[in-house]
PDB file of N, CA and C in Angstrom:
ATOM      1  N   UNK A   1      92.693  72.852  89.618  1.00  0.00           N
ATOM      2  CA  UNK A   1      91.936  74.134  90.624  1.00  0.00           C
ATOM      3  C   UNK A   1      93.148  73.747  91.729  1.00  0.00           C
ATOM      4  N   UNK A   2      93.238  74.688  92.695  1.00  0.00           N
ATOM      5  CA  UNK A   2      94.294  74.766  93.896  1.00  0.00           C
ATOM      6  C   UNK A   2      93.022  74.227  94.842  1.00  0.00           C
ATOM      7  N   UNK A   3      94.208  73.716  96.341  1.00  0.00           N
ATOM      8  CA  UNK A   3      93.358  73.343  96.990  1.00  0.00           C
ATOM      9  C   UNK A   3      93.819  73.888  98.452  1.00  0.00           C
ATOM     10  N   UNK A   4      94.487  74.927  97.542  1.00  0.00           N
ATOM     11  CA  UNK A   4      95.731  75.692  99.163  1.00  0.00           C
ATOM     12  C   UNK A   4      95.147  77.483  98.863  1.00  0.00           C
ATOM     13  N   UNK A   5      95.030  77.553  99.858  1.00  0.00           N
ATOM     14  CA  UNK A   5      94.897  79.251  99.865  1.00  0.00           C
ATOM     15  C   UNK A   5      95.785  80.220 100.157  1.00  0.00           C
ATOM     16  N   UNK A   6      95.894  81.366 100.647  1.00  0.00           N
ATOM     17  CA  UNK A   6      97.096  82.736 101.034  1.00  0.00           C
ATOM     18  C   UNK A   6      96.460  82.635 102.273  1.00  0.00           C
ATOM     19  N   UNK A   7      97.448  82.421 103.187  1.00  0.00           N
ATOM     20  CA  UNK A   7      96.707  83.410 104.824  1.00  0.00           C
ATOM     21  C   UNK A   7      95.909  84.927 104.608  1.00  0.00           C
ATOM     22  N   UNK A   8      97.496  85.194 103.922  1.00  0.00           N
ATOM     23  CA  UNK A   8      96.946  86.721 103.738  1.00  0.00           C
ATOM     24  C   UNK A   8      95.989  86.796 103.051  1.00  0.00           C
ATOM     25  N   UNK A   9      95.242  86.405 102.123  1.00  0.00           N
ATOM     26  CA  UNK A   9      94.478  88.011 101.390  1.00  0.00           C
ATOM     27  C   UNK A   9      93.466  86.449 100.313  1.00  0.00           C
ATOM     28  N   UNK A  10      93.687  85.113 100.939  1.00  0.00           N
ATOM     29  CA  UNK A  10      92.246  84.035 100.826  1.00  0.00           C
ATOM     30  C   UNK A  10      92.471  84.070  99.278  1.00  0.00           C
ATOM     31  N   UNK A  11      93.128  84.298  98.444  1.00  0.00           N
ATOM     32  CA  UNK A  11      93.317  83.186  96.493  1.00  0.00           C
ATOM     33  C   UNK A  11      94.123  82.549  96.826  1.00  0.00           C
ATOM     34  N   UNK A  12      93.876  81.729  96.252  1.00  0.00           N
ATOM     35  CA  UNK A  12      93.979  80.345  95.406  1.00  0.00           C
ATOM     36  C   UNK A  12      96.305  80.057  95.160  1.00  0.00           C
ATOM     37  N   UNK A  13      96.346  80.687  95.235  1.00  0.00           N
ATOM     38  CA  UNK A  13      98.361  80.248  94.752  1.00  0.00           C
ATOM     39  C   UNK A  13      98.351  79.130  94.419  1.00  0.00           C
ATOM     40  N   UNK A  14     100.035  79.083  94.700  1.00  0.00           N
ATOM     41  CA  UNK A  14     101.244  78.213  94.388  1.00  0.00           C
ATOM     42  C   UNK A  14     101.621  78.264  94.977  1.00  0.00           C
ATOM     43  N   UNK A  15     102.547  76.801  96.025  1.00  0.00           N
ATOM     44  CA  UNK A  15     103.453  77.356  96.630  1.00  0.00           C
ATOM     45  C   UNK A  15     105.235  77.828  95.685  1.00  0.00           C
ATOM     46  N   UNK A  16     105.756  78.211  97.198  1.00  0.00           N
ATOM     47  CA  UNK A  16     107.406  78.411  96.113  1.00  0.00           C
ATOM     48  C   UNK A  16     108.114  78.306  97.530  1.00  0.00           C
ATOM     49  N   UNK A  17     109.639  78.283  96.885  1.00  0.00           N
ATOM     50  CA  UNK A  17     110.251  78.145  98.011  1.00  0.00           C
ATOM     51  C   UNK A  17     111.658  79.479  98.344  1.00  0.00           C
ATOM     52  N   UNK A  18     110.850  80.361  99.265  1.00  0.00           N
ATOM     53  CA  UNK A  18     111.663  81.443  99.852  1.00  0.00           C
ATOM     54  C   UNK A  18     112.365  81.176 100.572  1.00  0.00           C
ATOM     55  N   UNK A  19     113.798  82.002 100.218  1.00  0.00           N
ATOM     56  CA  UNK A  19     115.574  82.177 101.922  1.00  0.00           C
ATOM     57  C   UNK A  19     114.627  83.293 101.937  1.00  0.00           C
ATOM     58  N   UNK A  20     114.759  82.765 103.356  1.00  0.00           N
ATOM     59  CA  UNK A  20     114.513  84.030 104.383  1.00  0.00           C
ATOM     60  C   UNK A  20     115.446  84.497 104.816  1.00  0.00           C
ATOM     61  N   UNK A  21     116.886  84.041 104.901  1.00  0.00           N
ATOM     62  CA  UNK A  21     118.335  84.221 105.896  1.00  0.00           C
ATOM     63  C   UNK A  21     118.503  85.426 105.894  1.00  0.00           C
ATOM     64  N   UNK A  22     119.351  85.702 106.556  1.00  0.00           N
ATOM     65  CA  UNK A  22     120.447  86.649 106.607  1.00  0.00           C
ATOM     66  C   UNK A  22     121.249  87.131 105.382  1.00  0.00           C
ATOM     67  N   UNK A  23     121.701  85.651 104.883  1.00  0.00           N
ATOM     68  CA  UNK A  23     123.182  85.471 103.644  1.00  0.00           C
ATOM     69  C   UNK A  23     124.249  85.849 104.529  1.00  0.00           C
ATOM     70  N   UNK A  24     125.411  85.876 104.135  1.00  0.00           N
ATOM     71  CA  UNK A  24     126.281  85.829 104.308  1.00  0.00           C
ATOM     72  C   UNK A  24     126.411  86.807 105.615  1.00  0.00           C
ATOM     73  N   UNK A  25     127.508  86.422 106.518  1.00  0.00           N
ATOM     74  CA  UNK A  25     127.649  87.226 108.263  1.00  0.00           C
ATOM     75  C   UNK A  25     128.001  87.169 108.518  1.00  0.00           C
ATOM     76  N   UNK A  26     128.636  87.493 109.548  1.00  0.00           N
ATOM     77  CA  UNK A  26     130.815  87.567 109.674  1.00  0.00           C
ATOM     78  C   UNK A  26     130.467  87.720 112.097  1.00  0.00           C
ATOM     79  N   UNK A  27     130.674  86.115 112.242  1.00  0.00           N
ATOM     80  CA  UNK A  27     130.835  86.066 114.032  1.00  0.00           C
ATOM     81  C   UNK A  27     131.407  87.018 114.463  1.00  0.00           C
ATOM     82  N   UNK A  28     132.641  87.371 115.077  1.00  0.00           N
ATOM     83  CA  UNK A  28     133.882  87.442 115.270  1.00  0.00           C
ATOM     84  C   UNK A  28     135.257  87.358 113.813  1.00  0.00           C
ATOM     85  N   UNK A  29     135.726  86.384 114.377  1.00  0.00           N
ATOM     86  CA  UNK A  29     136.454  85.919 112.978  1.00  0.00           C
ATOM     87  C   UNK A  29     135.828  85.403 112.229  1.00  0.00           C
ATOM     88  N   UNK A  30     135.088  84.438 112.510  1.00  0.00           N
ATOM     89  CA  UNK A  30     134.131  83.226 111.627  1.00  0.00           C
ATOM     90  C   UNK A  30     133.632  83.336 110.739  1.00  0.00           C
ATOM     91  N   UNK A  31     133.301  83.072 109.808  1.00  0.00           N
ATOM     92  CA  UNK A  31     132.065  83.503 108.451  1.00  0.00           C
ATOM     93  C   UNK A  31     131.296  81.763 108.161  1.00  0.00           C
ATOM     94  N   UNK A  32     130.195  82.707 108.287  1.00  0.00           N
ATOM     95  CA  UNK A  32     128.809  82.072 107.654  1.00  0.00           C
ATOM     96  C   UNK A  32     127.645  81.905 106.726  1.00  0.00           C
ATOM     97  N   UNK A  33     127.496  81.404 106.375  1.00  0.00           N
ATOM     98  CA  UNK A  33     125.757  82.048 105.567  1.00  0.00           C
ATOM     99  C   UNK A  33     125.007  81.567 106.551  1.00  0.00           C
ATOM    100  N   UNK A  34     123.889  82.258 106.337  1.00  0.00           N
ATOM    101  CA  UNK A  34     122.953  81.788 107.040  1.00  0.00           C
ATOM    102  C   UNK A  34     121.536  81.550 106.357  1.00  0.00           C
ATOM    103  N   UNK A  35     120.516  80.645 106.074  1.00  0.00           N
ATOM    104  CA  UNK A  35     119.806  80.335 104.977  1.00  0.00           C
ATOM    105  C   UNK A  35     118.627  79.619 105.620  1.00  0.00           C
ATOM    106  N   UNK A  36     117.507  79.686 105.542  1.00  0.00           N
ATOM    107  CA  UNK A  36     115.383  79.956 106.227  1.00  0.00           C
ATOM    108  C   UNK A  36     114.734  79.604 104.963  1.00  0.00           C
ATOM    109  N   UNK A  37     114.992  78.977 104.433  1.00  0.00           N
ATOM    110  CA  UNK A  37     114.024  78.178 103.500  1.00  0.00           C
ATOM    111  C   UNK A  37     112.581  77.790 103.791  1.00  0.00           C
ATOM    112  N   UNK A  38     111.726  79.275 104.269  1.00  0.00           N
ATOM    113  CA  UNK A  38     110.660  78.228 104.031  1.00  0.00           C
ATOM    114  C   UNK A  38     109.656  78.287 102.677  1.00  0.00           C
ATOM    115  N   UNK A  39     108.914  77.393 102.653  1.00  0.00           N
ATOM    116  CA  UNK A  39     106.935  77.373 101.483  1.00  0.00           C
ATOM    117  C   UNK A  39     106.364  78.677 101.870  1.00  0.00           C
ATOM    118  N   UNK A  40     106.673  79.205 100.750  1.00  0.00           N
ATOM    119  CA  UNK A  40     105.061  80.277 100.841  1.00  0.00           C
ATOM    120  C   UNK A  40     104.665  80.669  99.785  1.00  0.00           C
ATOM    121  N   UNK A  41     103.334  81.613 100.148  1.00  0.00           N
ATOM    122  CA  UNK A  41     102.626  81.364  98.986  1.00  0.00           C
ATOM    123  C   UNK A  41     103.091  82.551  97.513  1.00  0.00           C
ATOM    124  N   UNK A  42     103.045  82.321  96.485  1.00  0.00           N
ATOM    125  CA  UNK A  42     103.568  82.908  95.580  1.00  0.00           C
ATOM    126  C   UNK A  42     102.859  84.841  95.206  1.00  0.00           C
ATOM    127  N   UNK A  43     102.020  85.119  96.235  1.00  0.00           N
ATOM    128  CA  UNK A  43     101.356  86.745  95.595  1.00  0.00           C
ATOM    129  C   UNK A  43     101.872  87.636  97.040  1.00  0.00           C
ATOM    130  N   UNK A  44     101.602  86.850  98.424  1.00  0.00           N
ATOM    131  CA  UNK A  44     102.106  88.443  99.621  1.00  0.00           C
ATOM    132  C   UNK A  44     103.347  87.440 100.331  1.00  0.00           C
ATOM    133  N   UNK A  45     103.643  86.614 100.109  1.00  0.00           N
ATOM    134  CA  UNK A  45     104.452  85.743 100.451  1.00  0.00           C
ATOM    135  C   UNK A  45     104.476  85.158 101.864  1.00  0.00           C
ATOM    136  N   UNK A  46     103.069  84.508 102.004  1.00  0.00           N
ATOM    137  CA  UNK A  46     102.543  84.427 104.334  1.00  0.00           C
ATOM    138  C   UNK A  46     102.279  82.988 103.480  1.00  0.00           C
ATOM    139  N   UNK A  47     102.056  81.821 104.880  1.00  0.00           N
ATOM    140  CA  UNK A  47     101.684  80.819 104.688  1.00  0.00           C
ATOM    141  C   UNK A  47     100.669  80.208 103.501  1.00  0.00           C
ATOM    142  N   UNK A  48     100.659  78.902 103.623  1.00  0.00           N
ATOM    143  CA  UNK A  48      99.577  78.206 102.848  1.00  0.00           C
ATOM    144  C   UNK A  48      98.690  77.566 103.466  1.00  0.00           C
ATOM    145  N   UNK A  49      97.509  78.077 103.529  1.00  0.00           N
ATOM    146  CA  UNK A  49      96.424  76.850 104.156  1.00  0.00           C
ATOM    147  C   UNK A  49      95.315  76.136 103.125  1.00  0.00           C
ATOM    148  N   UNK A  50      95.140  75.271 103.393  1.00  0.00           N
ATOM    149  CA  UNK A  50      94.098  73.932 103.534  1.00  0.00           C
ATOM    150  C   UNK A  50      92.710  75.254 103.107  1.00  0.00           C
ATOM    151  N   UNK A  51      91.809  75.215 101.730  1.00  0.00           N
ATOM    152  CA  UNK A  51      91.289  75.838 101.125  1.00  0.00           C
ATOM    153  C   UNK A  51      91.073  75.610  99.564  1.00  0.00           C
ATOM    154  N   UNK A  52      89.864  76.690  99.828  1.00  0.00           N
ATOM    155  CA  UNK A  52      89.980  77.343  98.632  1.00  0.00           C
ATOM    156  C   UNK A  52      89.318  78.637  98.104  1.00  0.00           C
ATOM    157  N   UNK A  53      89.056  79.093  97.233  1.00  0.00           N
ATOM    158  CA  UNK A  53      88.437  79.868  96.595  1.00  0.00           C
ATOM    159  C   UNK A  53      88.023  80.180  95.286  1.00  0.00           C
ATOM    160  N   UNK A  54      86.617  80.881  94.809  1.00  0.00           N
ATOM    161  CA  UNK A  54      85.533  80.464  93.692  1.00  0.00           C
ATOM    162  C   UNK A  54      84.694  81.620  93.902  1.00  0.00           C
ATOM    163  N   UNK A  55      85.278  81.560  92.130  1.00  0.00           N
ATOM    164  CA  UNK A  55      83.699  82.966  91.940  1.00  0.00           C
ATOM    165  C   UNK A  55      81.835  82.735  91.948  1.00  0.00           C
ATOM    166  N   UNK A  56      81.263  83.453  93.564  1.00  0.00           N
ATOM    167  CA  UNK A  56      79.860  83.078  93.303  1.00  0.00           C
ATOM    168  C   UNK A  56      79.485  83.427  91.907  1.00  0.00           C
ATOM    169  N   UNK A  57      79.500  85.292  91.475  1.00  0.00           N
ATOM    170  CA  UNK A  57      79.329  86.261  90.978  1.00  0.00           C
ATOM    171  C   UNK A  57      79.587  87.545  90.095  1.00  0.00           C
ATOM    172  N   UNK A  58      79.795  87.210  88.955  1.00  0.00           N
ATOM    173  CA  UNK A  58      80.366  88.785  88.205  1.00  0.00           C
ATOM    174  C   UNK A  58      79.086  89.164  87.641  1.00  0.00           C
ATOM    175  N   UNK A  59      78.678  90.598  88.174  1.00  0.00           N
ATOM    176  CA  UNK A  59      78.043  91.419  86.815  1.00  0.00           C
ATOM    177  C   UNK A  59      78.496  92.840  86.752  1.00  0.00           C
ATOM    178  N   UNK A  60      77.031  92.995  85.938  1.00  0.00           N
ATOM    179  CA  UNK A  60      78.372  94.745  84.888  1.00  0.00           C
ATOM    180  C   UNK A  60      77.169  95.733  85.439  1.00  0.00           C
ATOM    181  N   UNK A  61      77.815  96.775  86.211  1.00  0.00           N
ATOM    182  CA  UNK A  61      77.146  97.578  86.592  1.00  0.00           C
ATOM    183  C   UNK A  61      76.726  98.611  86.062  1.00  0.00           C
ATOM    184  N   UNK A  62      76.302 100.190  85.958  1.00  0.00           N
ATOM    185  CA  UNK A  62      77.027 101.719  85.578  1.00  0.00           C
ATOM    186  C   UNK A  62      75.953 101.798  86.912  1.00  0.00           C
ATOM    187  N   UNK A  63      76.799 102.715  87.000  1.00  0.00           N
ATOM    188  CA  UNK A  63      77.104 103.676  88.810  1.00  0.00           C
ATOM    189  C   UNK A  63      76.237 105.232  88.264  1.00  0.00           C
ATOM    190  N   UNK A  64      74.597 104.882  89.781  1.00  0.00           N
ATOM    191  CA  UNK A  64      74.384 106.324  89.433  1.00  0.00           C
ATOM    192  C   UNK A  64      74.794 107.188  90.205  1.00  0.00           C
ATOM    193  N   UNK A  65      75.639 107.018  91.233  1.00  0.00           N
ATOM    194  CA  UNK A  65      75.906 108.425  91.777  1.00  0.00           C
ATOM    195  C   UNK A  65      77.519 107.882  92.191  1.00  0.00           C
ATOM    196  N   UNK A  66      77.994 108.501  92.396  1.00  0.00           N
ATOM    197  CA  UNK A  66      79.548 108.994  92.829  1.00  0.00           C
ATOM    198  C   UNK A  66      79.653 107.544  93.563  1.00  0.00           C
ATOM    199  N   UNK A  67      80.520 106.723  93.644  1.00  0.00           N
ATOM    200  CA  UNK A  67      80.845 106.059  94.924  1.00  0.00           C
ATOM    201  C   UNK A  67      81.953 106.128  96.416  1.00  0.00           C
ATOM    202  N   UNK A  68      81.438 105.801  97.345  1.00  0.00           N
ATOM    203  CA  UNK A  68      82.337 106.302  98.673  1.00  0.00           C
ATOM    204  C   UNK A  68      83.848 106.614  98.391  1.00  0.00           C
ATOM    205  N   UNK A  69      84.419 105.258  97.976  1.00  0.00           N
ATOM    206  CA  UNK A  69      85.845 105.427  98.080  1.00  0.00           C
ATOM    207  C   UNK A  69      86.573 106.428  96.484  1.00  0.00           C
ATOM    208  N   UNK A  70      85.588 106.694  95.530  1.00  0.00           N
ATOM    209  CA  UNK A  70      85.865 107.904  94.895  1.00  0.00           C
ATOM    210  C   UNK A  70      86.954 107.465  92.797  1.00  0.00           C
ATOM    211  N   UNK A  71      86.587 106.097  93.105  1.00  0.00           N
ATOM    212  CA  UNK A  71      87.268 105.813  91.737  1.00  0.00           C
ATOM    213  C   UNK A  71      85.882 105.372  90.505  1.00  0.00           C
ATOM    214  N   UNK A  72      85.694 105.294  91.449  1.00  0.00           N
ATOM    215  CA  UNK A  72      83.733 105.056  90.606  1.00  0.00           C
ATOM    216  C   UNK A  72      82.778 106.083  90.346  1.00  0.00           C
ATOM    217  N   UNK A  73      82.572 107.216  89.125  1.00  0.00           N
ATOM    218  CA  UNK A  73      82.273 108.002  89.237  1.00  0.00           C
ATOM    219  C   UNK A  73      80.794 108.079  88.904  1.00  0.00           C
ATOM    220  N   UNK A  74      79.999 108.347  88.919  1.00  0.00           N
ATOM    221  CA  UNK A  74      78.425 108.634  88.519  1.00  0.00           C
ATOM    222  C   UNK A  74      78.422 108.245  86.624  1.00  0.00           C
ATOM    223  N   UNK A  75      77.884 107.480  85.738  1.00  0.00           N
ATOM    224  CA  UNK A  75      77.497 107.558  84.149  1.00  0.00           C
ATOM    225  C   UNK A  75      78.700 106.147  84.288  1.00  0.00           C
ATOM    226  N   UNK A  76      79.709 106.150  84.461  1.00  0.00           N
ATOM    227  CA  UNK A  76      80.751 104.858  84.651  1.00  0.00           C
ATOM    228  C   UNK A  76      80.454 103.159  84.437  1.00  0.00           C
ATOM    229  N   UNK A  77      80.986 102.555  83.990  1.00  0.00           N
ATOM    230  CA  UNK A  77      80.082 101.055  83.583  1.00  0.00           C
ATOM    231  C   UNK A  77      81.931 100.350  84.455  1.00  0.00           C
ATOM    232  N   UNK A  78      80.950 100.022  85.528  1.00  0.00           N
ATOM    233  CA  UNK A  78      81.675  99.026  86.633  1.00  0.00           C
ATOM    234  C   UNK A  78      81.444  97.311  86.739  1.00  0.00           C
ATOM    235  N   UNK A  79      82.805  96.443  87.406  1.00  0.00           N
ATOM    236  CA  UNK A  79      82.419  95.063  87.010  1.00  0.00           C
ATOM    237  C   UNK A  79      82.300  95.258  88.449  1.00  0.00           C
ATOM    238  N   UNK A  80      81.566  94.375  89.371  1.00  0.00           N
ATOM    239  CA  UNK A  80      81.004  93.714  89.966  1.00  0.00           C
ATOM    240  C   UNK A  80      81.781  92.538  90.087  1.00  0.00           C
ATOM    241  N   UNK A  81      82.492  91.899  91.617  1.00  0.00           N
ATOM    242  CA  UNK A  81      82.735  89.969  90.993  1.00  0.00           C
ATOM    243  C   UNK A  81      82.531  89.809  92.480  1.00  0.00           C
ATOM    244  N   UNK A  82      81.752  89.247  93.236  1.00  0.00           N
ATOM    245  CA  UNK A  82      81.589  87.784  94.410  1.00  0.00           C
ATOM    246  C   UNK A  82      82.862  86.883  94.556  1.00  0.00           C
ATOM    247  N   UNK A  83      83.150  86.281  95.533  1.00  0.00           N
ATOM    248  CA  UNK A  83      84.114  85.503  95.263  1.00  0.00           C
ATOM    249  C   UNK A  83      83.720  84.963  96.980  1.00  0.00           C
ATOM    250  N   UNK A  84      83.734  83.519  97.016  1.00  0.00           N
ATOM    251  CA  UNK A  84      84.163  82.701  98.679  1.00  0.00           C
ATOM    252  C   UNK A  84      85.058  82.137  99.268  1.00  0.00           C
ATOM    253  N   UNK A  85      85.734  82.329  99.485  1.00  0.00           N
ATOM    254  CA  UNK A  85      86.407  82.956 100.628  1.00  0.00           C
ATOM    255  C   UNK A  85      86.332  80.485 101.969  1.00  0.00           C
ATOM    256  N   UNK A  86      87.145  79.371 100.996  1.00  0.00           N
ATOM    257  CA  UNK A  86      86.786  78.941 102.965  1.00  0.00           C
ATOM    258  C   UNK A  86      88.471  77.950 102.816  1.00  0.00           C
ATOM    259  N   UNK A  87      88.588  77.927 104.604  1.00  0.00           N
ATOM    260  CA  UNK A  87      89.858  77.589 104.442  1.00  0.00           C
ATOM    261  C   UNK A  87      89.019  75.982 105.297  1.00  0.00           C
ATOM    262  N   UNK A  88      89.491  74.796 105.049  1.00  0.00           N
ATOM    263  CA  UNK A  88      88.683  73.935 105.200  1.00  0.00           C
ATOM    264  C   UNK A  88      89.745  73.913 106.974  1.00  0.00           C
ATOM    265  N   UNK A  89      88.815  73.008 107.826  1.00  0.00           N
ATOM    266  CA  UNK A  89      88.398  73.146 109.457  1.00  0.00           C
ATOM    267  C   UNK A  89      88.571  74.613 110.075  1.00  0.00           C
ATOM    268  N   UNK A  90      88.498  76.436 109.168  1.00  0.00           N
ATOM    269  CA  UNK A  90      88.876  77.020 109.735  1.00  0.00           C
ATOM    270  C   UNK A  90      87.058  77.961 108.801  1.00  0.00           C
ATOM    271  N   UNK A  91      87.479  80.024 109.544  1.00  0.00           N
ATOM    272  CA  UNK A  91      86.722  80.717 108.514  1.00  0.00           C
ATOM    273  C   UNK A  91      86.183  80.682 107.134  1.00  0.00           C
ATOM    274  N   UNK A  92      84.810  81.322 107.158  1.00  0.00           N
ATOM    275  CA  UNK A  92      84.686  81.011 105.163  1.00  0.00           C
ATOM    276  C   UNK A  92      84.225  82.298 105.316  1.00  0.00           C
ATOM    277  N   UNK A  93      84.683  82.931 104.004  1.00  0.00           N
ATOM    278  CA  UNK A  93      84.263  84.654 103.939  1.00  0.00           C
ATOM    279  C   UNK A  93      83.867  84.738 102.115  1.00  0.00           C
ATOM    280  N   UNK A  94      83.675  85.514 102.223  1.00  0.00           N
ATOM    281  CA  UNK A  94      82.965  86.495 101.225  1.00  0.00           C
ATOM    282  C   UNK A  94      84.054  87.968 100.597  1.00  0.00           C
ATOM    283  N   UNK A  95      84.202  87.852  99.481  1.00  0.00           N
ATOM    284  CA  UNK A  95      85.365  89.691  98.689  1.00  0.00           C
ATOM    285  C   UNK A  95      84.364  90.107  98.287  1.00  0.00           C
ATOM    286  N   UNK A  96      83.719  91.287  98.050  1.00  0.00           N
ATOM    287  CA  UNK A  96      83.171  91.773  97.241  1.00  0.00           C
ATOM    288  C   UNK A  96      84.885  93.077  95.791  1.00  0.00           C
ATOM    289  N   UNK A  97      84.520  92.489  94.989  1.00  0.00           N
ATOM    290  CA  UNK A  97      86.133  93.721  94.208  1.00  0.00           C
ATOM    291  C   UNK A  97      84.912  94.458  92.873  1.00  0.00           C
ATOM    292  N   UNK A  98      85.567  95.569  93.101  1.00  0.00           N
ATOM    293  CA  UNK A  98      84.971  96.401  92.082  1.00  0.00           C
ATOM    294  C   UNK A  98      85.992  96.991  90.956  1.00  0.00           C
ATOM    295  N   UNK A  99      85.219  96.679  89.946  1.00  0.00           N
ATOM    296  CA  UNK A  99      87.042  96.987  88.813  1.00  0.00           C
ATOM    297  C   UNK A  99      86.138  97.589  88.074  1.00  0.00           C
ATOM    298  N   UNK A 100      86.508  98.605  87.247  1.00  0.00           N
ATOM    299  CA  UNK A 100      86.053  99.668  86.032  1.00  0.00           C
ATOM    300  C   UNK A 100      86.099  98.725  84.748  1.00  0.00           C
ATOM    301  N   UNK A 101      85.471  98.427  84.115  1.00  0.00           N
ATOM    302  CA  UNK A 101      85.189  98.303  82.815  1.00  0.00           C
ATOM    303  C   UNK A 101      85.382  99.478  81.509  1.00  0.00           C
ATOM    304  N   UNK A 102      86.689  99.277  80.549  1.00  0.00           N
ATOM    305  CA  UNK A 102      86.082 100.667  79.780  1.00  0.00           C
ATOM    306  C   UNK A 102      85.402 100.534  78.368  1.00  0.00           C
TER     307      UNK A 102
END
């Protein structure tokens, strides 16, 4: 279980090193190389904060009518996943994902 989450999407993630530098550059007659290596999340390249995310509930439903987003139509099976995201010493929130089941 990861004990760090992405600051952007809130999912559990792993840290990766990413170079955000300019690379090769030339200023006047001087040449150089700019490197700015940062530790970021592997999903969104955002900051990593201490915390966790857990699936609270997963259920399968059959749509009685068309959903507002337009992806799920009446009569189709879909799966609902509810996840709780918690930042240490910070906010907590819940996300809901709907996915079509084929």
